[in-house]
Amino acid sequence: MPNKRAIRYRDAGVDIDEADRAVGRIKLAARRTFTSNVLTDLGSFGAMYRLKGYRQPVLISSADGVGTKIKVAFMTGRHDTVGQDLVNHCVNDIAVQGAVPLFFLDYFAVGKLESEVAGQIAEGLGKACEQNGCALIGGETAEMPGLYQPGEYDLAGFIVGCVEKTKLLTGANIREGDILLGLPSTGLHTNGYSLARKLLFEVAGYRHDSVVNDLACTVADELLKVHRSYLKPIQALLKAGALAGAAHITGGGISDNTPRILPKGLAAEVHLGSWPVLPVFELLRRIGNIPEDDFRRTFNLGIGMILVVPKAKLAKAEHVLKGCKERFHRIGVIARHARGKAKVAYL
């Protein structure tokens, strides 16, 4: 039977006026990242970007999400960091192949749209895009009542970068004797949060606002530290001709990510104790009595990027990194891979 009362989209859980307010804040954040290469404004059916300045351009793309780190944002009501996490993670994934980011698109899905939350996320996206010289040119904001719990959302993104074909960084030039330099992480970055949340909130019984002596801050402050970008030091080393390969240490830790760039027949010898393991990881290890293999394959342990530097160019690489004011640690060496052994050996 027809309903005598008029039913609007808002009655189904979608507030178009609130969506317009959210889009307004998103546009403000995005436009700050625009360059002359961006040929469309937000709101077009498809975003246009002009590629220029390359002779043999190779486009490199990556897609990722923030993961369960956003559960901490839900708990605290702080949504300004997760956008930065997303952009920087994607930037790192293409930077290790020599690319500089051109443009970024995000996907923000929520049960009930709140313009304040959307605005905080957009401002984080815009901030990181500006810092990485990347244009935030589009995306999708999807309000889907009933699909997400109240106050929850999902956030993912897609990045496109470019590099000259002659300057691709593939790891093919890595040789036995090359040196492993580790660049420090800011914390967990965007990996291992399912285990970290279980240990901190369920096992240890901390609240998000609990101040933990081991951390010298609240649990939330530690867990919401921004996943940093390594674009600048990588590009500086590439310009100096002092980089043979780079591995972004994300899910799987040093154990699973380093082999992704190693040529056949080579392995990485990682020297334990050659860098300071951050207090948050030691705290998690103690709370969960985590087995060593799980510990190494779940968390970055304080190293967010591994650089493979030719031994003959080590002094030059260190000089370049110091010029970038980048801290680093010599954490190992490239060796021959013994049949039947792991591609990463901890010594």
Protein backbone atom coordinates (compact mmCIF):
# COMPACT_ATOMS: atom_id res chain seq x y z
CA MET A 1 0.00 0.00 0.00
CA PRO A 2 1.28 3.52 -0.77
CA ASN A 3 2.53 5.43 2.27
CA LYS A 4 0.58 8.61 2.88
CA ARG A 5 3.59 10.31 4.45
CA ALA A 6 6.30 11.53 2.09
CA ILE A 7 9.54 9.59 2.66
CA ARG A 8 12.81 11.33 1.93
CA TYR A 9 16.36 10.03 1.47
CA ARG A 10 17.08 11.29 4.99
CA ASP A 11 14.49 8.83 6.36
CA ALA A 12 16.60 6.01 4.90
CA GLY A 13 19.65 7.30 6.74
CA VAL A 14 21.29 9.53 4.11
CA ASP A 15 21.45 13.27 4.79
CA ILE A 16 22.27 15.06 1.53
CA ASP A 17 22.72 18.42 3.28
CA GLU A 18 25.30 16.93 5.64
CA ALA A 19 27.00 15.34 2.65
CA ASP A 20 27.22 18.75 0.96
CA ARG A 21 28.84 20.21 4.07
CA ALA A 22 31.36 17.35 4.14
CA VAL A 23 32.17 17.74 0.46
CA GLY A 24 32.74 21.45 1.01
CA ARG A 25 35.44 20.73 3.59
CA ILE A 26 36.97 18.04 1.40
CA LYS A 27 37.21 20.45 -1.54
CA LEU A 28 38.98 23.05 0.59
CA ALA A 29 41.58 20.49 1.70
CA ALA A 30 42.05 19.11 -1.81
CA ARG A 31 42.41 22.41 -3.64
CA ARG A 32 45.43 23.31 -1.51
CA THR A 33 47.26 20.39 -3.13
CA PHE A 34 46.46 21.32 -6.75
CA THR A 35 49.18 22.21 -9.23
CA SER A 36 48.97 23.43 -12.81
CA ASN A 37 48.94 19.76 -13.89
CA VAL A 38 45.48 19.23 -12.37
CA LEU A 39 42.96 19.96 -15.12
CA THR A 40 39.67 19.37 -13.27
CA ASP A 41 38.11 20.46 -10.01
CA LEU A 42 36.63 18.01 -7.52
CA GLY A 43 33.15 17.00 -8.60
CA SER A 44 33.98 15.96 -12.16
CA PHE A 45 33.06 12.44 -13.20
CA GLY A 46 36.73 11.70 -13.70
CA ALA A 47 39.80 13.59 -12.51
CA MET A 48 42.26 14.77 -15.15
CA TYR A 49 45.99 15.13 -14.67
CA ARG A 50 48.51 16.32 -17.27
CA LEU A 51 51.78 14.39 -17.38
CA LYS A 52 54.75 16.41 -18.57
CA GLY A 53 58.49 16.61 -18.19
CA TYR A 54 59.26 12.93 -18.82
CA ARG A 55 60.93 11.33 -21.87
CA GLN A 56 60.11 7.68 -21.08
CA PRO A 57 57.59 7.85 -18.24
CA VAL A 58 56.69 4.74 -16.26
CA LEU A 59 53.56 5.09 -14.15
CA ILE A 60 53.63 3.28 -10.82
CA SER A 61 50.47 2.86 -8.78
CA SER A 62 49.43 1.40 -5.45
CA ALA A 63 46.26 1.01 -3.40
CA ASP A 64 45.98 0.50 0.34
CA GLY A 65 43.88 1.09 3.44
CA VAL A 66 44.55 2.26 6.95
CA GLY A 67 43.43 -1.04 8.46
CA THR A 68 42.32 -1.51 12.05
CA LYS A 69 44.28 1.54 13.18
CA ILE A 70 41.05 3.41 12.45
CA LYS A 71 39.48 1.57 15.40
CA VAL A 72 41.71 3.69 17.64
CA ALA A 73 40.45 6.80 15.86
CA PHE A 74 36.88 5.67 16.60
CA MET A 75 37.72 5.22 20.29
CA THR A 76 39.28 8.65 20.66
CA GLY A 77 37.29 10.78 18.24
CA ARG A 78 40.59 11.86 16.66
CA HIS A 79 40.47 11.54 12.90
CA ASP A 80 43.18 13.98 11.82
CA THR A 81 46.02 11.45 11.55
CA VAL A 82 44.52 8.53 9.60
CA GLY A 83 44.44 10.48 6.34
CA GLN A 84 48.14 11.21 6.72
CA ASP A 85 48.78 7.53 7.44
CA LEU A 86 47.02 6.51 4.25
CA VAL A 87 48.82 8.92 1.94
CA ASN A 88 52.28 8.32 3.41
CA HIS A 89 51.88 4.53 3.27
CA CYS A 90 50.97 4.70 -0.41
CA VAL A 91 53.76 7.19 -1.15
CA ASN A 92 56.32 4.82 0.40
CA ASP A 93 55.05 1.89 -1.63
CA ILE A 94 55.84 3.64 -4.91
CA ALA A 95 58.90 5.53 -3.66
CA VAL A 96 60.78 2.24 -3.24
CA GLN A 97 60.55 1.81 -7.03
CA GLY A 98 61.92 5.27 -7.67
CA ALA A 99 58.63 7.05 -8.34
CA VAL A 100 57.57 10.48 -7.20
CA PRO A 101 53.82 10.78 -6.47
CA LEU A 102 51.65 12.64 -8.96
CA PHE A 103 48.13 12.33 -7.62
CA PHE A 104 46.04 10.57 -5.00
CA LEU A 105 42.39 9.50 -4.72
CA ASP A 106 40.65 8.35 -1.56
CA TYR A 107 37.67 6.14 -0.73
CA PHE A 108 35.77 7.07 2.44
CA ALA A 109 32.81 4.84 3.32
CA VAL A 110 30.58 5.44 6.33
CA GLY A 111 27.21 4.42 7.72
CA LYS A 112 26.18 7.94 8.72
CA LEU A 113 28.15 10.88 7.39
CA GLU A 114 29.36 13.53 9.83
CA SER A 115 30.93 16.55 8.18
CA GLU A 116 33.28 17.17 11.13
CA VAL A 117 34.75 13.66 10.92
CA ALA A 118 34.98 13.81 7.13
CA GLY A 119 36.63 17.22 7.39
CA GLN A 120 39.30 15.99 9.81
CA ILE A 121 40.11 13.06 7.54
CA ALA A 122 40.25 15.27 4.45
CA GLU A 123 42.54 17.74 6.18
CA GLY A 124 44.90 14.86 7.04
CA LEU A 125 44.85 13.66 3.45
CA GLY A 126 45.51 17.17 2.17
CA LYS A 127 48.34 17.81 4.64
CA ALA A 128 50.22 14.65 3.65
CA CYS A 129 49.64 15.26 -0.05
CA GLU A 130 51.09 18.77 0.28
CA GLN A 131 54.13 17.45 2.16
CA ASN A 132 54.77 14.85 -0.55
CA GLY A 133 54.12 17.16 -3.52
CA CYS A 134 51.11 15.09 -4.50
CA ALA A 135 47.74 16.36 -5.76
CA LEU A 136 44.57 15.13 -4.04
CA ILE A 137 42.43 15.16 -7.17
CA GLY A 138 39.41 13.04 -6.36
CA GLY A 139 37.81 10.16 -4.55
CA GLU A 140 34.54 8.76 -3.32
CA THR A 141 32.55 9.54 -0.20
CA ALA A 142 29.96 6.81 0.24
CA GLU A 143 27.22 6.98 2.89
CA MET A 144 25.76 3.49 3.36
CA PRO A 145 23.36 3.17 6.29
CA GLY A 146 23.31 -0.26 7.89
CA LEU A 147 26.66 -1.36 6.51
CA TYR A 148 28.84 0.22 9.22
CA GLN A 149 28.31 0.52 12.96
CA PRO A 150 27.46 4.02 14.28
CA GLY A 151 30.58 6.18 14.37
CA GLU A 152 32.60 3.81 12.20
CA TYR A 153 33.95 4.09 8.66
CA ASP A 154 36.54 2.66 6.30
CA LEU A 155 39.29 4.58 4.55
CA ALA A 156 41.35 3.50 1.54
CA GLY A 157 43.28 5.22 -1.21
CA PHE A 158 44.92 4.93 -4.61
CA ILE A 159 48.12 6.67 -5.70
CA VAL A 160 49.81 7.19 -9.06
CA GLY A 161 53.45 8.19 -9.41
CA CYS A 162 55.98 8.40 -12.21
CA VAL A 163 59.64 7.67 -12.86
CA GLU A 164 61.85 7.73 -15.94
CA LYS A 165 62.30 4.22 -17.28
CA THR A 166 66.07 4.57 -17.01
CA LYS A 167 65.79 5.41 -13.31
CA LEU A 168 63.52 2.59 -12.15
CA LEU A 169 64.57 1.12 -8.80
CA THR A 170 63.96 -2.64 -9.01
CA GLY A 171 66.67 -4.17 -6.83
CA ALA A 172 68.26 -5.83 -9.85
CA ASN A 173 71.56 -4.04 -9.13
CA ILE A 174 71.84 -5.29 -5.55
CA ARG A 175 75.09 -7.21 -5.03
CA GLU A 176 76.73 -9.31 -2.33
CA GLY A 177 78.43 -7.05 0.18
CA ASP A 178 75.98 -4.16 -0.17
CA ILE A 179 75.06 -2.49 3.10
CA LEU A 180 71.63 -2.37 4.72
CA LEU A 181 70.68 0.99 6.23
CA GLY A 182 67.54 1.20 8.33
CA LEU A 183 65.52 4.40 8.61
CA PRO A 184 63.57 4.73 11.87
CA SER A 185 59.81 4.35 12.06
CA THR A 186 57.64 6.62 14.18
CA GLY A 187 55.92 3.65 15.81
CA LEU A 188 53.64 0.89 14.56
CA HIS A 189 52.90 2.87 11.38
CA THR A 190 49.82 1.08 9.96
CA ASN A 191 50.60 -2.55 10.74
CA GLY A 192 50.01 -4.96 13.58
CA TYR A 193 47.08 -3.08 15.08
CA SER A 194 44.81 -6.08 15.49
CA LEU A 195 47.39 -7.68 17.79
CA ALA A 196 48.38 -4.39 19.44
CA ARG A 197 44.76 -3.53 20.29
CA LYS A 198 44.14 -7.01 21.69
CA LEU A 199 47.22 -6.84 23.91
CA LEU A 200 46.83 -3.26 25.12
CA PHE A 201 43.06 -3.07 25.58
CA GLU A 202 41.97 -6.66 26.24
CA VAL A 203 44.97 -8.34 27.88
CA ALA A 204 46.56 -5.39 29.71
CA GLY A 205 43.25 -3.61 30.28
CA TYR A 206 44.46 -0.14 29.31
CA ARG A 207 42.07 2.57 28.20
CA HIS A 208 42.89 4.75 25.23
CA ASP A 209 43.61 7.62 27.62
CA SER A 210 45.78 5.55 29.99
CA VAL A 211 49.24 7.03 30.51
CA VAL A 212 51.84 4.25 30.34
CA ASN A 213 55.23 4.87 31.88
CA ASP A 214 57.01 2.77 29.24
CA LEU A 215 55.60 5.04 26.54
CA ALA A 216 55.70 8.40 28.35
CA CYS A 217 52.35 9.21 26.74
CA THR A 218 48.80 7.89 26.50
CA VAL A 219 48.07 4.67 24.66
CA ALA A 220 46.12 6.62 22.03
CA ASP A 221 48.97 9.11 21.49
CA GLU A 222 51.31 6.21 20.82
CA LEU A 223 48.97 4.28 18.54
CA LEU A 224 47.97 7.33 16.50
CA LYS A 225 51.51 8.43 15.67
CA VAL A 226 51.59 9.16 11.95
CA HIS A 227 53.03 6.62 9.52
CA ARG A 228 55.89 8.71 8.13
CA SER A 229 56.96 9.28 4.52
CA TYR A 230 60.44 8.33 3.29
CA LEU A 231 60.13 10.01 -0.10
CA LYS A 232 62.71 12.76 0.49
CA PRO A 233 65.66 10.60 1.62
CA ILE A 234 64.97 8.02 -1.11
CA GLN A 235 64.87 10.67 -3.83
CA ALA A 236 68.03 12.31 -2.48
CA LEU A 237 69.92 9.01 -2.60
CA LEU A 238 68.67 8.26 -6.09
CA LYS A 239 69.87 11.65 -7.36
CA ALA A 240 73.26 10.94 -5.79
CA GLY A 241 73.43 7.51 -7.46
CA ALA A 242 73.88 5.86 -4.07
CA LEU A 243 70.89 3.51 -3.83
CA ALA A 244 70.53 -0.05 -5.15
CA GLY A 245 67.19 -0.95 -3.58
CA ALA A 246 64.62 -0.03 -0.94
CA ALA A 247 62.03 -2.00 1.01
CA HIS A 248 59.05 -0.46 2.80
CA ILE A 249 58.66 -2.37 6.08
CA THR A 250 54.92 -2.91 6.39
CA GLY A 251 52.84 -6.03 7.08
CA GLY A 252 55.22 -8.97 7.47
CA GLY A 253 57.97 -6.87 9.02
CA ILE A 254 61.62 -7.01 7.97
CA SER A 255 61.36 -10.78 7.47
CA ASP A 256 58.76 -10.67 4.70
CA ASN A 257 59.35 -7.30 3.04
CA THR A 258 63.11 -7.30 2.50
CA PRO A 259 63.10 -10.43 0.26
CA ARG A 260 60.72 -8.68 -2.15
CA ILE A 261 63.62 -6.65 -3.58
CA LEU A 262 66.43 -9.23 -3.45
CA PRO A 263 67.72 -10.82 -6.67
CA LYS A 264 67.86 -14.60 -6.88
CA GLY A 265 70.77 -16.06 -4.96
CA LEU A 266 71.06 -13.23 -2.43
CA ALA A 267 69.86 -12.86 1.15
CA ALA A 268 69.87 -10.20 3.85
CA GLU A 269 71.83 -10.64 7.05
CA VAL A 270 70.21 -8.44 9.69
CA HIS A 271 72.24 -7.68 12.80
CA LEU A 272 70.09 -7.70 15.92
CA GLY A 273 70.92 -4.93 18.35
CA SER A 274 72.14 -2.59 15.62
CA TRP A 275 69.16 -0.27 16.09
CA PRO A 276 67.01 0.71 19.09
CA VAL A 277 63.73 -1.20 19.24
CA LEU A 278 61.05 1.32 20.18
CA PRO A 279 59.51 1.03 23.68
CA VAL A 280 56.03 0.28 22.32
CA PHE A 281 57.28 -2.94 20.75
CA GLU A 282 59.03 -4.08 23.91
CA LEU A 283 55.85 -3.34 25.85
CA LEU A 284 53.76 -5.41 23.45
CA ARG A 285 56.26 -8.27 23.59
CA ARG A 286 56.09 -8.37 27.39
CA ILE A 287 52.30 -8.17 27.58
CA GLY A 288 51.76 -10.96 25.06
CA ASN A 289 54.89 -13.05 25.56
CA ILE A 290 54.96 -12.95 21.75
CA PRO A 291 57.04 -15.69 20.06
CA GLU A 292 60.08 -14.23 18.30
CA ASP A 293 58.97 -15.21 14.79
CA ASP A 294 55.53 -13.64 15.26
CA PHE A 295 57.13 -10.56 16.78
CA ARG A 296 59.41 -10.02 13.77
CA ARG A 297 56.72 -10.75 11.15
CA THR A 298 54.00 -8.59 12.75
CA PHE A 299 55.79 -5.36 13.68
CA ASN A 300 58.43 -3.13 12.08
CA LEU A 301 60.33 -3.01 15.42
CA GLY A 302 61.45 0.56 14.82
CA ILE A 303 62.64 0.29 11.20
CA GLY A 304 60.19 1.67 8.65
CA MET A 305 62.39 1.57 5.55
CA ILE A 306 65.42 -0.50 4.57
CA LEU A 307 67.86 0.96 2.04
CA VAL A 308 70.37 -1.19 0.18
CA VAL A 309 73.50 0.86 -0.51
CA PRO A 310 76.48 -0.28 -2.61
CA LYS A 311 79.45 -0.77 -0.30
CA ALA A 312 81.61 1.57 -2.39
CA LYS A 313 79.03 4.33 -2.03
CA LEU A 314 78.29 3.96 1.67
CA ALA A 315 80.16 7.13 2.71
CA LYS A 316 78.34 9.11 0.03
CA ALA A 317 74.96 7.70 1.08
CA GLU A 318 75.58 8.53 4.72
CA HIS A 319 76.61 12.06 3.76
CA VAL A 320 73.41 12.50 1.74
CA LEU A 321 71.22 11.22 4.58
CA LYS A 322 72.91 13.50 7.08
CA GLY A 323 72.28 16.38 4.68
CA CYS A 324 68.58 15.44 4.76
CA LYS A 325 68.78 15.41 8.58
CA GLU A 326 67.70 11.78 8.35
CA ARG A 327 68.63 9.40 11.16
CA PHE A 328 69.79 5.95 10.05
CA HIS A 329 71.36 2.76 11.35
CA ARG A 330 73.67 0.24 9.70
CA ILE A 331 71.63 -2.88 10.31
CA GLY A 332 73.16 -5.55 8.08
CA VAL A 333 74.65 -6.69 4.82
CA ILE A 334 73.69 -8.54 1.62
CA ALA A 335 75.09 -12.08 1.47
CA ARG A 336 74.79 -15.17 -0.69
CA HIS A 337 71.60 -17.13 -0.16
CA ALA A 338 72.19 -20.66 1.07
CA ARG A 339 69.73 -23.18 -0.33
CA GLY A 340 67.04 -24.11 2.17
CA LYS A 341 67.72 -21.08 4.35
CA ALA A 342 65.49 -18.03 4.90
CA LYS A 343 66.05 -14.98 2.70
CA VAL A 344 66.49 -12.93 5.88
CA ALA A 345 68.86 -14.18 8.56
CA TYR A 346 69.00 -12.54 11.99
CA LEU A 347 72.50 -12.57 13.49
